[in-house]
Amino acid sequence: MCIQVNIKENTAIIGFTGELDLARGKALREKTDKLKDNIDTVILDLNGVTNINSSGIGQLVSILKYCTLKDQKLRLACLSSDVSQVLSITKLDKVLSIYDSVESAEESVG
């Protein structure tokens, strides 16, 4: 699994492909943990994510908590319909900031 991190000013854009499960979720969490302190926004580009299971949901919540502790904003972008449906069923779509595109997530940072 390849996780790509792109830094634009104070924003980190993190993308990967496949299923968001325990292993990928942990790897994603490790990437967010290693971000420098000057990052104020983390955008997870989920364009290539085909599915998310309960372990992946747990990792997203963990990443949200970690970002909140570091005073970072967490944005999710480019969700597939399957991932969007899972987040809706679990009501996480009410807690997470979700955007149609990475660009709109970046614009929300202001």
PDB file of N, CA and C in Angstrom:
ATOM      1  N   MET A   1       0.837  -1.170   0.000  1.00  0.00           N
ATOM      2  CA  MET A   1       0.000   0.000   0.000  1.00  0.00           C
ATOM      3  C   MET A   1       0.884   1.235   0.000  1.00  0.00           C
ATOM      4  N   CYS A   2       0.547   2.163  -0.849  1.00  0.00           N
ATOM      5  CA  CYS A   2       1.285   3.404  -0.944  1.00  0.00           C
ATOM      6  C   CYS A   2       0.399   4.553  -0.470  1.00  0.00           C
ATOM      7  N   ILE A   3       0.867   5.231   0.548  1.00  0.00           N
ATOM      8  CA  ILE A   3       0.157   6.410   1.029  1.00  0.00           C
ATOM      9  C   ILE A   3       0.960   7.618   0.579  1.00  0.00           C
ATOM     10  N   GLN A   4       0.296   8.505  -0.138  1.00  0.00           N
ATOM     11  CA  GLN A   4       0.964   9.697  -0.657  1.00  0.00           C
ATOM     12  C   GLN A   4       0.613  10.895   0.215  1.00  0.00           C
ATOM     13  N   VAL A   5       1.632  11.663   0.554  1.00  0.00           N
ATOM     14  CA  VAL A   5       1.439  12.871   1.348  1.00  0.00           C
ATOM     15  C   VAL A   5       1.953  14.045   0.541  1.00  0.00           C
ATOM     16  N   ASN A   6       1.110  15.036   0.361  1.00  0.00           N
ATOM     17  CA  ASN A   6       1.468  16.247  -0.356  1.00  0.00           C
ATOM     18  C   ASN A   6       1.231  17.429   0.585  1.00  0.00           C
ATOM     19  N   ILE A   7       2.260  18.230   0.791  1.00  0.00           N
ATOM     20  CA  ILE A   7       2.148  19.379   1.684  1.00  0.00           C
ATOM     21  C   ILE A   7       2.016  20.653   0.847  1.00  0.00           C
ATOM     22  N   LYS A   8       0.978  21.419   1.101  1.00  0.00           N
ATOM     23  CA  LYS A   8       0.764  22.721   0.462  1.00  0.00           C
ATOM     24  C   LYS A   8       0.590  23.745   1.565  1.00  0.00           C
ATOM     25  N   GLU A   9       1.614  24.561   1.757  1.00  0.00           N
ATOM     26  CA  GLU A   9       1.636  25.544   2.837  1.00  0.00           C
ATOM     27  C   GLU A   9       1.397  24.838   4.163  1.00  0.00           C
ATOM     28  N   ASN A  10       0.283  25.116   4.837  1.00  0.00           N
ATOM     29  CA  ASN A  10       0.008  24.505   6.137  1.00  0.00           C
ATOM     30  C   ASN A  10      -1.016  23.383   6.057  1.00  0.00           C
ATOM     31  N   THR A  11      -1.200  22.836   4.856  1.00  0.00           N
ATOM     32  CA  THR A  11      -2.187  21.783   4.642  1.00  0.00           C
ATOM     33  C   THR A  11      -1.500  20.511   4.147  1.00  0.00           C
ATOM     34  N   ALA A  12      -1.852  19.389   4.758  1.00  0.00           N
ATOM     35  CA  ALA A  12      -1.355  18.087   4.315  1.00  0.00           C
ATOM     36  C   ALA A  12      -2.493  17.365   3.611  1.00  0.00           C
ATOM     37  N   ILE A  13      -2.234  16.924   2.385  1.00  0.00           N
ATOM     38  CA  ILE A  13      -3.209  16.150   1.626  1.00  0.00           C
ATOM     39  C   ILE A  13      -2.684  14.723   1.559  1.00  0.00           C
ATOM     40  N   ILE A  14      -3.457  13.803   2.116  1.00  0.00           N
ATOM     41  CA  ILE A  14      -3.028  12.410   2.208  1.00  0.00           C
ATOM     42  C   ILE A  14      -3.987  11.558   1.393  1.00  0.00           C
ATOM     43  N   GLY A  15      -3.431  10.766   0.478  1.00  0.00           N
ATOM     44  CA  GLY A  15      -4.259   9.906  -0.358  1.00  0.00           C
ATOM     45  C   GLY A  15      -3.719   8.497  -0.434  1.00  0.00           C
ATOM     46  N   PHE A  16      -4.607   7.559  -0.657  1.00  0.00           N
ATOM     47  CA  PHE A  16      -4.227   6.163  -0.861  1.00  0.00           C
ATOM     48  C   PHE A  16      -5.383   5.449  -1.545  1.00  0.00           C
ATOM     49  N   THR A  17      -5.168   4.205  -1.911  1.00  0.00           N
ATOM     50  CA  THR A  17      -6.199   3.442  -2.609  1.00  0.00           C
ATOM     51  C   THR A  17      -6.472   2.129  -1.896  1.00  0.00           C
ATOM     52  N   GLY A  18      -7.611   1.550  -2.200  1.00  0.00           N
ATOM     53  CA  GLY A  18      -7.976   0.253  -1.652  1.00  0.00           C
ATOM     54  C   GLY A  18      -9.019   0.377  -0.562  1.00  0.00           C
ATOM     55  N   GLU A  19      -9.068  -0.627   0.288  1.00  0.00           N
ATOM     56  CA  GLU A  19     -10.034  -0.656   1.385  1.00  0.00           C
ATOM     57  C   GLU A  19      -9.434   0.010   2.611  1.00  0.00           C
ATOM     58  N   LEU A  20     -10.234   0.774   3.319  1.00  0.00           N
ATOM     59  CA  LEU A  20      -9.790   1.354   4.584  1.00  0.00           C
ATOM     60  C   LEU A  20     -10.144   0.356   5.676  1.00  0.00           C
ATOM     61  N   ASP A  21      -9.149  -0.428   6.057  1.00  0.00           N
ATOM     62  CA  ASP A  21      -9.317  -1.457   7.073  1.00  0.00           C
ATOM     63  C   ASP A  21      -8.314  -1.197   8.196  1.00  0.00           C
ATOM     64  N   LEU A  22      -8.145  -2.144   9.078  1.00  0.00           N
ATOM     65  CA  LEU A  22      -7.263  -1.951  10.229  1.00  0.00           C
ATOM     66  C   LEU A  22      -5.837  -1.639   9.808  1.00  0.00           C
ATOM     67  N   ALA A  23      -5.269  -2.431   8.903  1.00  0.00           N
ATOM     68  CA  ALA A  23      -3.873  -2.235   8.499  1.00  0.00           C
ATOM     69  C   ALA A  23      -3.673  -0.889   7.819  1.00  0.00           C
ATOM     70  N   ARG A  24      -4.518  -0.571   6.859  1.00  0.00           N
ATOM     71  CA  ARG A  24      -4.389   0.711   6.156  1.00  0.00           C
ATOM     72  C   ARG A  24      -4.699   1.876   7.093  1.00  0.00           C
ATOM     73  N   GLY A  25      -5.666   1.667   7.968  1.00  0.00           N
ATOM     74  CA  GLY A  25      -6.007   2.708   8.930  1.00  0.00           C
ATOM     75  C   GLY A  25      -4.858   3.029   9.862  1.00  0.00           C
ATOM     76  N   LYS A  26      -4.166   1.984  10.326  1.00  0.00           N
ATOM     77  CA  LYS A  26      -3.005   2.202  11.197  1.00  0.00           C
ATOM     78  C   LYS A  26      -1.891   2.920  10.447  1.00  0.00           C
ATOM     79  N   ALA A  27      -1.669   2.523   9.198  1.00  0.00           N
ATOM     80  CA  ALA A  27      -0.636   3.189   8.395  1.00  0.00           C
ATOM     81  C   ALA A  27      -1.001   4.651   8.160  1.00  0.00           C
ATOM     82  N   LEU A  28      -2.260   4.906   7.934  1.00  0.00           N
ATOM     83  CA  LEU A  28      -2.742   6.272   7.744  1.00  0.00           C
ATOM     84  C   LEU A  28      -2.561   7.083   9.024  1.00  0.00           C
ATOM     85  N   ARG A  29      -2.872   6.488  10.144  1.00  0.00           N
ATOM     86  CA  ARG A  29      -2.704   7.157  11.434  1.00  0.00           C
ATOM     87  C   ARG A  29      -1.229   7.476  11.679  1.00  0.00           C
ATOM     88  N   GLU A  30      -0.340   6.549  11.330  1.00  0.00           N
ATOM     89  CA  GLU A  30       1.096   6.797  11.498  1.00  0.00           C
ATOM     90  C   GLU A  30       1.543   7.990  10.662  1.00  0.00           C
ATOM     91  N   LYS A  31       1.005   8.114   9.445  1.00  0.00           N
ATOM     92  CA  LYS A  31       1.346   9.261   8.589  1.00  0.00           C
ATOM     93  C   LYS A  31       0.867  10.561   9.210  1.00  0.00           C
ATOM     94  N   THR A  32      -0.336  10.565   9.760  1.00  0.00           N
ATOM     95  CA  THR A  32      -0.848  11.797  10.375  1.00  0.00           C
ATOM     96  C   THR A  32      -0.073  12.136  11.642  1.00  0.00           C
ATOM     97  N   ASP A  33       0.352  11.116  12.375  1.00  0.00           N
ATOM     98  CA  ASP A  33       1.142  11.347  13.591  1.00  0.00           C
ATOM     99  C   ASP A  33       2.474  12.020  13.279  1.00  0.00           C
ATOM    100  N   LYS A  34       3.033  11.745  12.106  1.00  0.00           N
ATOM    101  CA  LYS A  34       4.354  12.258  11.749  1.00  0.00           C
ATOM    102  C   LYS A  34       4.322  13.642  11.101  1.00  0.00           C
ATOM    103  N   LEU A  35       3.135  14.198  10.930  1.00  0.00           N
ATOM    104  CA  LEU A  35       3.055  15.529  10.317  1.00  0.00           C
ATOM    105  C   LEU A  35       3.669  16.567  11.242  1.00  0.00           C
ATOM    106  N   LYS A  36       4.283  17.548  10.655  1.00  0.00           N
ATOM    107  CA  LYS A  36       4.920  18.602  11.434  1.00  0.00           C
ATOM    108  C   LYS A  36       3.868  19.458  12.133  1.00  0.00           C
ATOM    109  N   ASP A  37       4.306  20.128  13.176  1.00  0.00           N
ATOM    110  CA  ASP A  37       3.399  20.938  13.983  1.00  0.00           C
ATOM    111  C   ASP A  37       2.826  22.138  13.238  1.00  0.00           C
ATOM    112  N   ASN A  38       3.481  22.576  12.154  1.00  0.00           N
ATOM    113  CA  ASN A  38       2.979  23.752  11.442  1.00  0.00           C
ATOM    114  C   ASN A  38       1.792  23.418  10.527  1.00  0.00           C
ATOM    115  N   ILE A  39       1.417  22.150  10.435  1.00  0.00           N
ATOM    116  CA  ILE A  39       0.261  21.748   9.636  1.00  0.00           C
ATOM    117  C   ILE A  39      -0.995  22.070  10.428  1.00  0.00           C
ATOM    118  N   ASP A  40      -1.907  22.841   9.823  1.00  0.00           N
ATOM    119  CA  ASP A  40      -3.144  23.150  10.540  1.00  0.00           C
ATOM    120  C   ASP A  40      -4.373  22.462   9.955  1.00  0.00           C
ATOM    121  N   THR A  41      -4.227  21.853   8.770  1.00  0.00           N
ATOM    122  CA  THR A  41      -5.343  21.135   8.161  1.00  0.00           C
ATOM    123  C   THR A  41      -4.843  19.841   7.520  1.00  0.00           C
ATOM    124  N   VAL A  42      -5.585  18.761   7.750  1.00  0.00           N
ATOM    125  CA  VAL A  42      -5.289  17.469   7.139  1.00  0.00           C
ATOM    126  C   VAL A  42      -6.482  17.108   6.255  1.00  0.00           C
ATOM    127  N   ILE A  43      -6.209  16.892   4.973  1.00  0.00           N
ATOM    128  CA  ILE A  43      -7.245  16.470   4.035  1.00  0.00           C
ATOM    129  C   ILE A  43      -6.961  15.034   3.633  1.00  0.00           C
ATOM    130  N   LEU A  44      -7.914  14.151   3.913  1.00  0.00           N
ATOM    131  CA  LEU A  44      -7.787  12.764   3.478  1.00  0.00           C
ATOM    132  C   LEU A  44      -8.501  12.634   2.141  1.00  0.00           C
ATOM    133  N   ASP A  45      -7.731  12.399   1.087  1.00  0.00           N
ATOM    134  CA  ASP A  45      -8.275  12.211  -0.253  1.00  0.00           C
ATOM    135  C   ASP A  45      -8.642  10.734  -0.397  1.00  0.00           C
ATOM    136  N   LEU A  46      -9.937  10.445  -0.319  1.00  0.00           N
ATOM    137  CA  LEU A  46     -10.404   9.065  -0.334  1.00  0.00           C
ATOM    138  C   LEU A  46     -10.890   8.632  -1.717  1.00  0.00           C
ATOM    139  N   ASN A  47     -10.423   9.324  -2.736  1.00  0.00           N
ATOM    140  CA  ASN A  47     -10.839   9.036  -4.107  1.00  0.00           C
ATOM    141  C   ASN A  47     -10.624   7.577  -4.494  1.00  0.00           C
ATOM    142  N   GLY A  48      -9.543   6.989  -4.065  1.00  0.00           N
ATOM    143  CA  GLY A  48      -9.234   5.612  -4.442  1.00  0.00           C
ATOM    144  C   GLY A  48      -9.686   4.574  -3.430  1.00  0.00           C
ATOM    145  N   VAL A  49     -10.406   5.003  -2.399  1.00  0.00           N
ATOM    146  CA  VAL A  49     -10.856   4.071  -1.359  1.00  0.00           C
ATOM    147  C   VAL A  49     -12.171   3.431  -1.793  1.00  0.00           C
ATOM    148  N   THR A  50     -12.166   2.130  -1.900  1.00  0.00           N
ATOM    149  CA  THR A  50     -13.335   1.415  -2.409  1.00  0.00           C
ATOM    150  C   THR A  50     -14.323   1.010  -1.329  1.00  0.00           C
ATOM    151  N   ASN A  51     -13.830   0.822  -0.107  1.00  0.00           N
ATOM    152  CA  ASN A  51     -14.696   0.347   0.972  1.00  0.00           C
ATOM    153  C   ASN A  51     -14.059   0.713   2.310  1.00  0.00           C
ATOM    154  N   ILE A  52     -14.884   0.747   3.330  1.00  0.00           N
ATOM    155  CA  ILE A  52     -14.392   0.998   4.682  1.00  0.00           C
ATOM    156  C   ILE A  52     -15.103   0.033   5.622  1.00  0.00           C
ATOM    157  N   ASN A  53     -14.332  -0.624   6.492  1.00  0.00           N
ATOM    158  CA  ASN A  53     -14.956  -1.529   7.452  1.00  0.00           C
ATOM    159  C   ASN A  53     -14.920  -0.908   8.848  1.00  0.00           C
ATOM    160  N   SER A  54     -15.372  -1.651   9.847  1.00  0.00           N
ATOM    161  CA  SER A  54     -15.471  -1.094  11.198  1.00  0.00           C
ATOM    162  C   SER A  54     -14.113  -0.681  11.754  1.00  0.00           C
ATOM    163  N   SER A  55     -13.081  -1.413  11.420  1.00  0.00           N
ATOM    164  CA  SER A  55     -11.735  -1.039  11.875  1.00  0.00           C
ATOM    165  C   SER A  55     -11.292   0.267  11.232  1.00  0.00           C
ATOM    166  N   GLY A  56     -11.625   0.440   9.962  1.00  0.00           N
ATOM    167  CA  GLY A  56     -11.318   1.687   9.274  1.00  0.00           C
ATOM    168  C   GLY A  56     -12.060   2.869   9.882  1.00  0.00           C
ATOM    169  N   ILE A  57     -13.303   2.637  10.263  1.00  0.00           N
ATOM    170  CA  ILE A  57     -14.090   3.687  10.924  1.00  0.00           C
ATOM    171  C   ILE A  57     -13.415   4.067  12.237  1.00  0.00           C
ATOM    172  N   GLY A  58     -12.994   3.058  12.988  1.00  0.00           N
ATOM    173  CA  GLY A  58     -12.292   3.321  14.249  1.00  0.00           C
ATOM    174  C   GLY A  58     -11.034   4.135  14.037  1.00  0.00           C
ATOM    175  N   GLN A  59     -10.304   3.850  12.985  1.00  0.00           N
ATOM    176  CA  GLN A  59      -9.084   4.597  12.693  1.00  0.00           C
ATOM    177  C   GLN A  59      -9.405   6.039  12.299  1.00  0.00           C
ATOM    178  N   LEU A  60     -10.491   6.247  11.551  1.00  0.00           N
ATOM    179  CA  LEU A  60     -10.894   7.619  11.209  1.00  0.00           C
ATOM    180  C   LEU A  60     -11.218   8.417  12.462  1.00  0.00           C
ATOM    181  N   VAL A  61     -11.921   7.802  13.392  1.00  0.00           N
ATOM    182  CA  VAL A  61     -12.242   8.474  14.657  1.00  0.00           C
ATOM    183  C   VAL A  61     -10.965   8.770  15.428  1.00  0.00           C
ATOM    184  N   SER A  62     -10.037   7.836  15.429  1.00  0.00           N
ATOM    185  CA  SER A  62      -8.753   8.037  16.099  1.00  0.00           C
ATOM    186  C   SER A  62      -7.982   9.198  15.476  1.00  0.00           C
ATOM    187  N   ILE A  63      -7.980   9.265  14.148  1.00  0.00           N
ATOM    188  CA  ILE A  63      -7.303  10.367  13.450  1.00  0.00           C
ATOM    189  C   ILE A  63      -7.982  11.692  13.772  1.00  0.00           C
ATOM    190  N   LEU A  64      -9.307  11.698  13.819  1.00  0.00           N
ATOM    191  CA  LEU A  64     -10.041  12.920  14.176  1.00  0.00           C
ATOM    192  C   LEU A  64      -9.668  13.389  15.574  1.00  0.00           C
ATOM    193  N   LYS A  65      -9.624  12.475  16.530  1.00  0.00           N
ATOM    194  CA  LYS A  65      -9.239  12.826  17.902  1.00  0.00           C
ATOM    195  C   LYS A  65      -7.821  13.392  17.944  1.00  0.00           C
ATOM    196  N   TYR A  66      -6.913  12.731  17.226  1.00  0.00           N
ATOM    197  CA  TYR A  66      -5.522  13.178  17.207  1.00  0.00           C
ATOM    198  C   TYR A  66      -5.401  14.572  16.594  1.00  0.00           C
ATOM    199  N   CYS A  67      -6.076  14.789  15.480  1.00  0.00           N
ATOM    200  CA  CYS A  67      -6.038  16.109  14.840  1.00  0.00           C
ATOM    201  C   CYS A  67      -6.615  17.179  15.767  1.00  0.00           C
ATOM    202  N   THR A  68      -7.690  16.843  16.464  1.00  0.00           N
ATOM    203  CA  THR A  68      -8.304  17.791  17.394  1.00  0.00           C
ATOM    204  C   THR A  68      -7.333  18.149  18.521  1.00  0.00           C
ATOM    205  N   LEU A  69      -6.623  17.161  19.039  1.00  0.00           N
ATOM    206  CA  LEU A  69      -5.638  17.418  20.097  1.00  0.00           C
ATOM    207  C   LEU A  69      -4.515  18.337  19.618  1.00  0.00           C
ATOM    208  N   LYS A  70      -4.170  18.246  18.339  1.00  0.00           N
ATOM    209  CA  LYS A  70      -3.100  19.076  17.779  1.00  0.00           C
ATOM    210  C   LYS A  70      -3.636  20.379  17.174  1.00  0.00           C
ATOM    211  N   ASP A  71      -4.913  20.676  17.411  1.00  0.00           N
ATOM    212  CA  ASP A  71      -5.567  21.868  16.845  1.00  0.00           C
ATOM    213  C   ASP A  71      -5.497  21.884  15.322  1.00  0.00           C
ATOM    214  N   GLN A  72      -5.636  20.715  14.732  1.00  0.00           N
ATOM    215  CA  GLN A  72      -5.668  20.598  13.275  1.00  0.00           C
ATOM    216  C   GLN A  72      -7.104  20.303  12.841  1.00  0.00           C
ATOM    217  N   LYS A  73      -7.462  20.818  11.671  1.00  0.00           N
ATOM    218  CA  LYS A  73      -8.767  20.512  11.097  1.00  0.00           C
ATOM    219  C   LYS A  73      -8.615  19.267  10.232  1.00  0.00           C
ATOM    220  N   LEU A  74      -9.594  18.380  10.291  1.00  0.00           N
ATOM    221  CA  LEU A  74      -9.598  17.186   9.450  1.00  0.00           C
ATOM    222  C   LEU A  74     -10.713  17.317   8.424  1.00  0.00           C
ATOM    223  N   ARG A  75     -10.364  17.113   7.152  1.00  0.00           N
ATOM    224  CA  ARG A  75     -11.328  17.156   6.054  1.00  0.00           C
ATOM    225  C   ARG A  75     -11.226  15.841   5.287  1.00  0.00           C
ATOM    226  N   LEU A  76     -12.369  15.304   4.864  1.00  0.00           N
ATOM    227  CA  LEU A  76     -12.404  14.136   3.988  1.00  0.00           C
ATOM    228  C   LEU A  76     -12.896  14.593   2.629  1.00  0.00           C
ATOM    229  N   ALA A  77     -12.283  14.081   1.581  1.00  0.00           N
ATOM    230  CA  ALA A  77     -12.651  14.501   0.227  1.00  0.00           C
ATOM    231  C   ALA A  77     -12.782  13.290  -0.694  1.00  0.00           C
ATOM    232  N   CYS A  78     -13.632  13.445  -1.689  1.00  0.00           N
ATOM    233  CA  CYS A  78     -13.767  12.472  -2.791  1.00  0.00           C
ATOM    234  C   CYS A  78     -14.217  11.097  -2.323  1.00  0.00           C
ATOM    235  N   LEU A  79     -15.245  11.037  -1.519  1.00  0.00           N
ATOM    236  CA  LEU A  79     -15.738   9.753  -1.031  1.00  0.00           C
ATOM    237  C   LEU A  79     -16.526   9.020  -2.111  1.00  0.00           C
ATOM    238  N   SER A  80     -16.308   7.720  -2.204  1.00  0.00           N
ATOM    239  CA  SER A  80     -17.132   6.902  -3.094  1.00  0.00           C
ATOM    240  C   SER A  80     -18.523   6.787  -2.469  1.00  0.00           C
ATOM    241  N   SER A  81     -19.465   6.334  -3.250  1.00  0.00           N
ATOM    242  CA  SER A  81     -20.827   6.188  -2.712  1.00  0.00           C
ATOM    243  C   SER A  81     -20.865   5.149  -1.590  1.00  0.00           C
ATOM    244  N   ASP A  82     -20.066   4.089  -1.701  1.00  0.00           N
ATOM    245  CA  ASP A  82     -20.033   3.065  -0.645  1.00  0.00           C
ATOM    246  C   ASP A  82     -19.486   3.620   0.664  1.00  0.00           C
ATOM    247  N   VAL A  83     -18.393   4.366   0.583  1.00  0.00           N
ATOM    248  CA  VAL A  83     -17.795   4.962   1.785  1.00  0.00           C
ATOM    249  C   VAL A  83     -18.743   6.003   2.365  1.00  0.00           C
ATOM    250  N   SER A  84     -19.331   6.807   1.519  1.00  0.00           N
ATOM    251  CA  SER A  84     -20.285   7.819   1.962  1.00  0.00           C
ATOM    252  C   SER A  84     -21.467   7.186   2.683  1.00  0.00           C
ATOM    253  N   GLN A  85     -21.947   6.071   2.161  1.00  0.00           N
ATOM    254  CA  GLN A  85     -23.078   5.376   2.773  1.00  0.00           C
ATOM    255  C   GLN A  85     -22.713   4.848   4.161  1.00  0.00           C
ATOM    256  N   VAL A  86     -21.530   4.282   4.303  1.00  0.00           N
ATOM    257  CA  VAL A  86     -21.082   3.773   5.602  1.00  0.00           C
ATOM    258  C   VAL A  86     -20.993   4.916   6.615  1.00  0.00           C
ATOM    259  N   LEU A  87     -20.431   6.038   6.206  1.00  0.00           N
ATOM    260  CA  LEU A  87     -20.318   7.174   7.122  1.00  0.00           C
ATOM    261  C   LEU A  87     -21.687   7.731   7.480  1.00  0.00           C
ATOM    262  N   SER A  88     -22.619   7.666   6.563  1.00  0.00           N
ATOM    263  CA  SER A  88     -23.986   8.121   6.822  1.00  0.00           C
ATOM    264  C   SER A  88     -24.691   7.187   7.809  1.00  0.00           C
ATOM    265  N   ILE A  89     -24.559   5.898   7.595  1.00  0.00           N
ATOM    266  CA  ILE A  89     -25.199   4.914   8.481  1.00  0.00           C
ATOM    267  C   ILE A  89     -24.671   5.041   9.903  1.00  0.00           C
ATOM    268  N   THR A  90     -23.388   5.294  10.043  1.00  0.00           N
ATOM    269  CA  THR A  90     -22.763   5.412  11.366  1.00  0.00           C
ATOM    270  C   THR A  90     -22.889   6.822  11.946  1.00  0.00           C
ATOM    271  N   LYS A  91     -23.497   7.723  11.190  1.00  0.00           N
ATOM    272  CA  LYS A  91     -23.695   9.130  11.587  1.00  0.00           C
ATOM    273  C   LYS A  91     -22.384   9.909  11.679  1.00  0.00           C
ATOM    274  N   LEU A  92     -21.298   9.333  11.187  1.00  0.00           N
ATOM    275  CA  LEU A  92     -20.028  10.058  11.193  1.00  0.00           C
ATOM    276  C   LEU A  92     -20.029  11.209  10.195  1.00  0.00           C
ATOM    277  N   ASP A  93     -20.945  11.171   9.245  1.00  0.00           N
ATOM    278  CA  ASP A  93     -21.044  12.288   8.300  1.00  0.00           C
ATOM    279  C   ASP A  93     -21.492  13.563   9.001  1.00  0.00           C
ATOM    280  N   LYS A  94     -22.034  13.436  10.220  1.00  0.00           N
ATOM    281  CA  LYS A  94     -22.434  14.605  11.016  1.00  0.00           C
ATOM    282  C   LYS A  94     -21.260  15.165  11.814  1.00  0.00           C
ATOM    283  N   VAL A  95     -20.235  14.345  12.011  1.00  0.00           N
ATOM    284  CA  VAL A  95     -19.080  14.723  12.832  1.00  0.00           C
ATOM    285  C   VAL A  95     -17.899  15.142  11.968  1.00  0.00           C
ATOM    286  N   LEU A  96     -17.722  14.469  10.845  1.00  0.00           N
ATOM    287  CA  LEU A  96     -16.590  14.727   9.952  1.00  0.00           C
ATOM    288  C   LEU A  96     -16.953  15.779   8.911  1.00  0.00           C
ATOM    289  N   SER A  97     -15.986  16.567   8.518  1.00  0.00           N
ATOM    290  CA  SER A  97     -16.172  17.550   7.444  1.00  0.00           C
ATOM    291  C   SER A  97     -15.877  16.855   6.121  1.00  0.00           C
ATOM    292  N   ILE A  98     -16.903  16.737   5.270  1.00  0.00           N
ATOM    293  CA  ILE A  98     -16.799  15.975   4.029  1.00  0.00           C
ATOM    294  C   ILE A  98     -17.004  16.903   2.839  1.00  0.00           C
ATOM    295  N   TYR A  99     -16.135  16.747   1.826  1.00  0.00           N
ATOM    296  CA  TYR A  99     -16.169  17.601   0.638  1.00  0.00           C
ATOM    297  C   TYR A  99     -16.153  16.747  -0.620  1.00  0.00           C
ATOM    298  N   ASP A 100     -16.740  17.286  -1.678  1.00  0.00           N
ATOM    299  CA  ASP A 100     -16.805  16.573  -2.952  1.00  0.00           C
ATOM    300  C   ASP A 100     -15.448  16.420  -3.619  1.00  0.00           C
ATOM    301  N   SER A 101     -14.552  17.378  -3.377  1.00  0.00           N
ATOM    302  CA  SER A 101     -13.244  17.360  -4.032  1.00  0.00           C
ATOM    303  C   SER A 101     -12.173  17.861  -3.077  1.00  0.00           C
ATOM    304  N   VAL A 102     -10.935  17.537  -3.399  1.00  0.00           N
ATOM    305  CA  VAL A 102      -9.815  18.057  -2.609  1.00  0.00           C
ATOM    306  C   VAL A 102      -9.781  19.572  -2.711  1.00  0.00           C
ATOM    307  N   GLU A 103     -10.081  20.091  -3.897  1.00  0.00           N
ATOM    308  CA  GLU A 103     -10.076  21.537  -4.109  1.00  0.00           C
ATOM    309  C   GLU A 103     -11.081  22.242  -3.195  1.00  0.00           C
ATOM    310  N   SER A 104     -12.287  21.691  -3.091  1.00  0.00           N
ATOM    311  CA  SER A 104     -13.291  22.339  -2.226  1.00  0.00           C
ATOM    312  C   SER A 104     -12.891  22.210  -0.748  1.00  0.00           C
ATOM    313  N   ALA A 105     -12.227  21.121  -0.383  1.00  0.00           N
ATOM    314  CA  ALA A 105     -11.727  20.976   0.974  1.00  0.00           C
ATOM    315  C   ALA A 105     -10.643  22.013   1.258  1.00  0.00           C
ATOM    316  N   GLU A 106      -9.773  22.238   0.265  1.00  0.00           N
ATOM    317  CA  GLU A 106      -8.724  23.246   0.416  1.00  0.00           C
ATOM    318  C   GLU A 106      -9.331  24.647   0.546  1.00  0.00           C
ATOM    319  N   GLU A 107     -10.331  24.927  -0.267  1.00  0.00           N
ATOM    320  CA  GLU A 107     -10.989  26.239  -0.231  1.00  0.00           C
ATOM    321  C   GLU A 107     -11.652  26.500   1.116  1.00  0.00           C
ATOM    322  N   SER A 108     -12.120  25.446   1.778  1.00  0.00           N
ATOM    323  CA  SER A 108     -12.800  25.606   3.057  1.00  0.00           C
ATOM    324  C   SER A 108     -11.853  26.054   4.160  1.00  0.00           C
ATOM    325  N   VAL A 109     -10.570  25.835   3.932  1.00  0.00           N
ATOM    326  CA  VAL A 109      -9.575  26.204   4.937  1.00  0.00           C
ATOM    327  C   VAL A 109      -9.495  27.717   5.064  1.00  0.00           C
ATOM    328  N   GLY A 110      -9.641  28.397   3.935  1.00  0.00           N
ATOM    329  CA  GLY A 110      -9.670  29.854   3.935  1.00  0.00           C
ATOM    330  C   GLY A 110      -8.373  30.420   4.166  1.00  0.00           C
TER     331      GLY A 110
END
